[in-house]
């Protein structure tokens, strides 16, 4: 399904969260599609099942997946209204951070480069 970077500074569970979020956002994983079981994914990636469980809990807390007792974990259907509200909140936070960065002397070019890096990372590319 995907590879983990064991040399990354990001914890393995966070890498899993980021990879699953990327797959869900890009519609590679469809709404109500079942995710691999904790045990299966742990064996495939050769990581501790507790790490997978932690990633699934985080994804569930963020609303990307839901669990059905005895059945497994599934991709949550997207709710356009919830997405709209979350996007508006993010825009507000980004604007605050941009204003603070400008106040501290970060140049427009540096900000554009940060945006490009973030987009590249969100699309699954490697950043420096």
N, C-alpha and C. Protein backbone atom coordinates (compact mmCIF):
# COMPACT_ATOMS: atom_id res chain seq x y z
N UNK A 1 0.83 -1.19 0.00
CA UNK A 1 0.00 0.00 0.00
C UNK A 1 0.88 1.26 0.00
N UNK A 2 1.86 1.34 0.89
CA UNK A 2 2.79 2.45 0.93
C UNK A 2 4.00 2.06 1.76
N UNK A 3 5.03 2.89 1.69
CA UNK A 3 6.26 2.62 2.42
C UNK A 3 6.44 3.65 3.53
N UNK A 4 7.13 3.23 4.57
CA UNK A 4 7.44 4.13 5.67
C UNK A 4 8.92 4.49 5.61
N UNK A 5 9.24 5.69 6.03
CA UNK A 5 10.62 6.15 6.09
C UNK A 5 11.10 5.99 7.53
N UNK A 6 11.85 4.92 7.78
CA UNK A 6 12.30 4.63 9.13
C UNK A 6 13.36 5.62 9.62
N UNK A 7 13.94 6.39 8.71
CA UNK A 7 14.95 7.38 9.09
C UNK A 7 14.33 8.76 9.33
N UNK A 8 13.05 8.88 9.06
CA UNK A 8 12.36 10.16 9.23
C UNK A 8 12.30 10.54 10.69
N UNK A 9 12.24 11.84 10.93
CA UNK A 9 12.07 12.33 12.30
C UNK A 9 10.63 12.16 12.76
N UNK A 10 9.72 12.04 11.78
CA UNK A 10 8.31 11.85 12.12
C UNK A 10 8.11 10.43 12.68
N UNK A 11 7.34 10.32 13.76
CA UNK A 11 7.05 8.99 14.29
C UNK A 11 6.31 8.15 13.24
N UNK A 12 6.44 6.85 13.34
CA UNK A 12 5.83 5.94 12.37
C UNK A 12 4.32 6.12 12.34
N UNK A 13 3.70 6.27 13.52
CA UNK A 13 2.25 6.41 13.52
C UNK A 13 1.82 7.68 12.78
N UNK A 14 2.62 8.76 12.90
CA UNK A 14 2.29 10.02 12.22
C UNK A 14 2.46 9.87 10.71
N UNK A 15 3.47 9.11 10.29
CA UNK A 15 3.64 8.84 8.87
C UNK A 15 2.43 8.08 8.33
N UNK A 16 1.95 7.12 9.11
CA UNK A 16 0.76 6.36 8.70
C UNK A 16 -0.46 7.27 8.60
N UNK A 17 -0.64 8.13 9.59
CA UNK A 17 -1.76 9.07 9.57
C UNK A 17 -1.68 9.93 8.31
N UNK A 18 -0.51 10.48 8.03
CA UNK A 18 -0.34 11.35 6.88
C UNK A 18 -0.60 10.60 5.57
N UNK A 19 -0.11 9.36 5.47
CA UNK A 19 -0.31 8.58 4.24
C UNK A 19 -1.79 8.26 4.03
N UNK A 20 -2.46 7.84 5.08
CA UNK A 20 -3.89 7.53 4.96
C UNK A 20 -4.69 8.78 4.61
N UNK A 21 -4.37 9.90 5.26
CA UNK A 21 -5.08 11.14 4.96
C UNK A 21 -4.90 11.52 3.50
N UNK A 22 -3.68 11.37 3.00
CA UNK A 22 -3.41 11.68 1.61
C UNK A 22 -4.22 10.78 0.67
N UNK A 23 -4.27 9.48 0.97
CA UNK A 23 -5.03 8.54 0.15
C UNK A 23 -6.53 8.83 0.19
N UNK A 24 -7.01 9.27 1.34
CA UNK A 24 -8.43 9.58 1.48
C UNK A 24 -8.76 10.88 0.74
N UNK A 25 -7.92 11.89 0.90
CA UNK A 25 -8.16 13.18 0.25
C UNK A 25 -8.12 13.04 -1.27
N UNK A 26 -7.21 12.21 -1.77
CA UNK A 26 -7.08 12.02 -3.22
C UNK A 26 -8.10 11.02 -3.77
N UNK A 27 -9.00 10.53 -2.91
CA UNK A 27 -10.03 9.56 -3.29
C UNK A 27 -9.47 8.23 -3.79
N UNK A 28 -8.25 7.90 -3.38
CA UNK A 28 -7.71 6.57 -3.66
C UNK A 28 -8.48 5.57 -2.79
N UNK A 29 -8.74 5.98 -1.54
CA UNK A 29 -9.59 5.21 -0.64
C UNK A 29 -10.97 5.86 -0.67
N UNK A 30 -11.96 5.10 -1.05
CA UNK A 30 -13.32 5.61 -1.22
C UNK A 30 -14.09 5.60 0.10
N UNK A 31 -15.12 6.47 0.22
CA UNK A 31 -15.95 6.45 1.42
C UNK A 31 -16.53 5.06 1.69
N UNK A 32 -16.53 4.67 2.93
CA UNK A 32 -17.02 3.37 3.41
C UNK A 32 -16.15 2.19 2.99
N UNK A 33 -15.00 2.45 2.40
CA UNK A 33 -14.07 1.36 2.05
C UNK A 33 -13.37 0.89 3.32
N UNK A 34 -13.24 -0.41 3.45
CA UNK A 34 -12.62 -0.98 4.65
C UNK A 34 -11.10 -0.86 4.57
N UNK A 35 -10.50 -0.46 5.68
CA UNK A 35 -9.05 -0.40 5.79
C UNK A 35 -8.52 -1.76 6.21
N UNK A 36 -7.24 -2.02 5.94
CA UNK A 36 -6.67 -3.29 6.40
C UNK A 36 -6.77 -3.40 7.92
N UNK A 37 -6.91 -4.61 8.41
CA UNK A 37 -6.96 -4.81 9.86
C UNK A 37 -5.63 -4.40 10.47
N UNK A 38 -5.67 -4.09 11.75
CA UNK A 38 -4.46 -3.69 12.47
C UNK A 38 -3.39 -4.77 12.35
N UNK A 39 -3.78 -5.99 12.58
CA UNK A 39 -2.83 -7.10 12.55
C UNK A 39 -2.24 -7.28 11.15
N UNK A 40 -3.08 -7.23 10.13
CA UNK A 40 -2.62 -7.42 8.75
C UNK A 40 -1.64 -6.32 8.35
N UNK A 41 -2.01 -5.07 8.61
CA UNK A 41 -1.15 -3.95 8.24
C UNK A 41 0.16 -3.98 9.02
N UNK A 42 0.09 -4.34 10.29
CA UNK A 42 1.31 -4.44 11.10
C UNK A 42 2.26 -5.48 10.52
N UNK A 43 1.72 -6.61 10.06
CA UNK A 43 2.56 -7.64 9.45
C UNK A 43 3.14 -7.18 8.12
N UNK A 44 2.33 -6.51 7.31
CA UNK A 44 2.81 -6.03 6.01
C UNK A 44 3.93 -5.01 6.16
N UNK A 45 3.78 -4.11 7.13
CA UNK A 45 4.76 -3.04 7.32
C UNK A 45 5.84 -3.39 8.33
N UNK A 46 5.71 -4.54 8.95
CA UNK A 46 6.62 -5.01 10.01
C UNK A 46 6.81 -3.96 11.11
N UNK A 47 5.67 -3.50 11.62
CA UNK A 47 5.68 -2.59 12.76
C UNK A 47 4.77 -3.16 13.85
N UNK A 48 4.90 -2.62 15.03
CA UNK A 48 4.10 -3.06 16.17
C UNK A 48 2.62 -2.74 15.92
N UNK A 49 1.73 -3.70 16.19
CA UNK A 49 0.30 -3.44 16.02
C UNK A 49 -0.21 -2.23 16.82
N UNK A 50 0.43 -1.95 17.96
CA UNK A 50 0.03 -0.78 18.75
C UNK A 50 0.24 0.52 17.97
N UNK A 51 1.27 0.54 17.11
CA UNK A 51 1.54 1.71 16.28
C UNK A 51 0.41 1.92 15.28
N UNK A 52 -0.04 0.84 14.67
CA UNK A 52 -1.14 0.91 13.71
C UNK A 52 -2.41 1.37 14.44
N UNK A 53 -2.65 0.79 15.60
CA UNK A 53 -3.83 1.14 16.38
C UNK A 53 -3.82 2.63 16.75
N UNK A 54 -2.65 3.14 17.11
CA UNK A 54 -2.53 4.56 17.46
C UNK A 54 -2.85 5.44 16.25
N UNK A 55 -2.36 5.05 15.09
CA UNK A 55 -2.64 5.80 13.86
C UNK A 55 -4.13 5.78 13.55
N UNK A 56 -4.75 4.62 13.67
CA UNK A 56 -6.19 4.50 13.41
C UNK A 56 -7.00 5.35 14.40
N UNK A 57 -6.59 5.35 15.66
CA UNK A 57 -7.28 6.18 16.65
C UNK A 57 -7.19 7.66 16.29
N UNK A 58 -6.01 8.08 15.86
CA UNK A 58 -5.80 9.47 15.46
C UNK A 58 -6.65 9.83 14.25
N UNK A 59 -6.68 8.94 13.27
CA UNK A 59 -7.50 9.18 12.07
C UNK A 59 -8.98 9.25 12.43
N UNK A 60 -9.39 8.42 13.37
CA UNK A 60 -10.79 8.43 13.80
C UNK A 60 -11.11 9.73 14.55
N UNK A 61 -10.18 10.17 15.39
CA UNK A 61 -10.38 11.41 16.13
C UNK A 61 -10.48 12.62 15.19
N UNK A 62 -9.76 12.56 14.07
CA UNK A 62 -9.78 13.63 13.09
C UNK A 62 -10.95 13.51 12.12
N UNK A 63 -11.70 12.40 12.21
CA UNK A 63 -12.88 12.24 11.38
C UNK A 63 -12.64 11.63 10.01
N UNK A 64 -11.46 11.11 9.76
CA UNK A 64 -11.16 10.51 8.46
C UNK A 64 -11.67 9.08 8.34
N UNK A 65 -11.74 8.38 9.47
CA UNK A 65 -12.23 7.00 9.45
C UNK A 65 -13.21 6.79 10.60
N UNK A 66 -13.93 5.69 10.53
CA UNK A 66 -14.79 5.29 11.64
C UNK A 66 -14.62 3.79 11.84
N UNK A 67 -14.91 3.33 13.05
CA UNK A 67 -14.76 1.92 13.38
C UNK A 67 -16.11 1.30 13.67
N UNK A 68 -16.24 0.04 13.26
CA UNK A 68 -17.43 -0.74 13.57
C UNK A 68 -16.94 -1.94 14.38
N UNK A 69 -17.44 -2.05 15.60
CA UNK A 69 -16.98 -3.12 16.48
C UNK A 69 -17.19 -4.48 15.82
N UNK A 70 -16.12 -5.26 15.78
CA UNK A 70 -16.17 -6.59 15.21
C UNK A 70 -16.04 -6.63 13.69
N UNK A 71 -16.07 -5.47 13.05
CA UNK A 71 -15.99 -5.41 11.58
C UNK A 71 -14.69 -4.78 11.09
N UNK A 72 -14.22 -3.73 11.77
CA UNK A 72 -13.00 -3.07 11.35
C UNK A 72 -13.15 -1.58 11.22
N UNK A 73 -12.20 -0.98 10.50
CA UNK A 73 -12.18 0.47 10.30
C UNK A 73 -12.50 0.77 8.84
N UNK A 74 -13.23 1.88 8.64
CA UNK A 74 -13.70 2.25 7.31
C UNK A 74 -13.47 3.74 7.08
N UNK A 75 -13.34 4.12 5.80
CA UNK A 75 -13.17 5.52 5.43
C UNK A 75 -14.50 6.24 5.65
N UNK A 76 -14.43 7.38 6.33
CA UNK A 76 -15.64 8.17 6.59
C UNK A 76 -16.11 8.86 5.32
N UNK A 77 -17.43 8.87 5.10
CA UNK A 77 -17.95 9.67 3.98
C UNK A 77 -17.69 11.14 4.27
N UNK A 78 -17.36 11.90 3.24
CA UNK A 78 -17.09 13.31 3.46
C UNK A 78 -18.39 14.08 3.57
N UNK A 79 -18.38 15.02 4.45
CA UNK A 79 -19.52 15.89 4.64
C UNK A 79 -19.11 17.27 4.17
N UNK A 80 -19.68 17.74 3.07
CA UNK A 80 -19.29 19.01 2.48
C UNK A 80 -19.40 20.17 3.47
N UNK A 81 -20.42 20.17 4.30
CA UNK A 81 -20.60 21.26 5.27
C UNK A 81 -19.46 21.25 6.28
N UNK A 82 -19.11 20.06 6.80
CA UNK A 82 -18.00 19.97 7.75
C UNK A 82 -16.70 20.41 7.09
N UNK A 83 -16.49 19.99 5.83
CA UNK A 83 -15.29 20.39 5.11
C UNK A 83 -15.23 21.90 4.94
N UNK A 84 -16.35 22.51 4.61
CA UNK A 84 -16.39 23.95 4.40
C UNK A 84 -16.02 24.68 5.70
N UNK A 85 -16.57 24.24 6.81
CA UNK A 85 -16.26 24.87 8.09
C UNK A 85 -14.80 24.67 8.46
N UNK A 86 -14.27 23.48 8.22
CA UNK A 86 -12.86 23.20 8.53
C UNK A 86 -11.94 24.04 7.65
N UNK A 87 -12.30 24.21 6.39
CA UNK A 87 -11.49 25.01 5.47
C UNK A 87 -11.48 26.47 5.91
N UNK A 88 -12.64 26.98 6.30
CA UNK A 88 -12.71 28.37 6.76
C UNK A 88 -11.85 28.57 8.01
N UNK A 89 -11.89 27.61 8.92
CA UNK A 89 -11.07 27.69 10.13
C UNK A 89 -9.58 27.67 9.77
N UNK A 90 -9.20 26.79 8.85
CA UNK A 90 -7.80 26.72 8.41
C UNK A 90 -7.36 28.02 7.76
N UNK A 91 -8.21 28.58 6.91
CA UNK A 91 -7.86 29.84 6.25
C UNK A 91 -7.62 30.94 7.27
N UNK A 92 -8.44 30.99 8.30
CA UNK A 92 -8.26 31.99 9.35
C UNK A 92 -6.93 31.81 10.06
N UNK A 93 -6.61 30.54 10.40
CA UNK A 93 -5.34 30.25 11.08
C UNK A 93 -4.14 30.55 10.19
N UNK A 94 -4.24 30.20 8.91
CA UNK A 94 -3.14 30.45 7.97
C UNK A 94 -2.91 31.95 7.84
N UNK A 95 -3.99 32.72 7.75
CA UNK A 95 -3.86 34.17 7.62
C UNK A 95 -3.15 34.75 8.84
N UNK A 96 -3.50 34.28 10.04
CA UNK A 96 -2.83 34.75 11.26
C UNK A 96 -1.33 34.44 11.20
N UNK A 97 -1.01 33.22 10.78
CA UNK A 97 0.40 32.83 10.70
C UNK A 97 1.16 33.63 9.65
N UNK A 98 0.50 33.89 8.52
CA UNK A 98 1.14 34.69 7.47
C UNK A 98 1.41 36.12 7.94
N UNK A 99 0.45 36.69 8.65
CA UNK A 99 0.65 38.04 9.18
C UNK A 99 1.81 38.07 10.17
N UNK A 100 1.88 37.07 11.01
CA UNK A 100 2.98 36.99 11.98
C UNK A 100 4.32 36.81 11.27
N UNK A 101 4.34 35.94 10.25
CA UNK A 101 5.57 35.71 9.49
C UNK A 101 6.03 37.00 8.80
N UNK A 102 5.09 37.73 8.20
CA UNK A 102 5.43 38.98 7.54
C UNK A 102 5.97 40.00 8.55
N UNK A 103 5.35 40.04 9.71
CA UNK A 103 5.81 40.95 10.76
C UNK A 103 7.25 40.62 11.18
N UNK A 104 7.56 39.33 11.20
CA UNK A 104 8.90 38.90 11.61
C UNK A 104 9.93 39.00 10.50
N UNK A 105 9.48 39.37 9.28
CA UNK A 105 10.43 39.60 8.19
C UNK A 105 10.57 38.48 7.19
N UNK A 106 9.70 37.50 7.22
CA UNK A 106 9.75 36.43 6.22
C UNK A 106 9.32 37.03 4.89
N UNK A 107 10.11 36.78 3.84
CA UNK A 107 9.82 37.38 2.53
C UNK A 107 8.70 36.62 1.81
N UNK A 108 8.14 37.30 0.82
CA UNK A 108 7.08 36.70 0.01
C UNK A 108 7.59 35.45 -0.70
N UNK A 109 8.82 35.51 -1.19
CA UNK A 109 9.41 34.35 -1.88
C UNK A 109 9.55 33.16 -0.93
N UNK A 110 9.96 33.42 0.29
CA UNK A 110 10.09 32.34 1.28
C UNK A 110 8.73 31.72 1.59
N UNK A 111 7.71 32.56 1.67
CA UNK A 111 6.36 32.04 1.93
C UNK A 111 5.87 31.18 0.77
N UNK A 112 6.10 31.65 -0.46
CA UNK A 112 5.70 30.87 -1.63
C UNK A 112 6.43 29.52 -1.65
N UNK A 113 7.70 29.53 -1.27
CA UNK A 113 8.48 28.29 -1.25
C UNK A 113 7.91 27.32 -0.20
N UNK A 114 7.51 27.85 0.95
CA UNK A 114 6.89 27.02 1.98
C UNK A 114 5.59 26.40 1.48
N UNK A 115 4.80 27.19 0.77
CA UNK A 115 3.54 26.68 0.22
C UNK A 115 3.82 25.57 -0.79
N UNK A 116 4.81 25.79 -1.67
CA UNK A 116 5.16 24.76 -2.66
C UNK A 116 5.61 23.47 -1.97
N UNK A 117 6.43 23.60 -0.93
CA UNK A 117 6.90 22.42 -0.19
C UNK A 117 5.74 21.68 0.46
N UNK A 118 4.81 22.44 1.04
CA UNK A 118 3.66 21.81 1.70
C UNK A 118 2.80 21.07 0.69
N UNK A 119 2.57 21.66 -0.47
CA UNK A 119 1.77 21.00 -1.51
C UNK A 119 2.48 19.75 -2.00
N UNK A 120 3.78 19.84 -2.21
CA UNK A 120 4.55 18.68 -2.65
C UNK A 120 4.46 17.55 -1.62
N UNK A 121 4.58 17.91 -0.35
CA UNK A 121 4.50 16.90 0.72
C UNK A 121 3.11 16.29 0.77
N UNK A 122 2.09 17.11 0.61
CA UNK A 122 0.69 16.60 0.64
C UNK A 122 0.44 15.65 -0.52
N UNK A 123 1.13 15.86 -1.61
CA UNK A 123 0.96 14.99 -2.78
C UNK A 123 1.84 13.75 -2.71
N UNK A 124 2.57 13.60 -1.62
CA UNK A 124 3.37 12.39 -1.43
C UNK A 124 4.81 12.53 -1.85
N UNK A 125 5.23 13.73 -2.23
CA UNK A 125 6.62 13.94 -2.64
C UNK A 125 7.52 14.11 -1.45
N UNK A 126 8.80 13.97 -1.69
CA UNK A 126 9.79 14.14 -0.63
C UNK A 126 10.16 15.61 -0.53
N UNK A 127 10.38 16.08 0.70
CA UNK A 127 10.88 17.42 0.92
C UNK A 127 12.25 17.32 1.55
N UNK A 128 12.98 18.42 1.49
CA UNK A 128 14.35 18.43 2.02
C UNK A 128 14.36 18.40 3.51
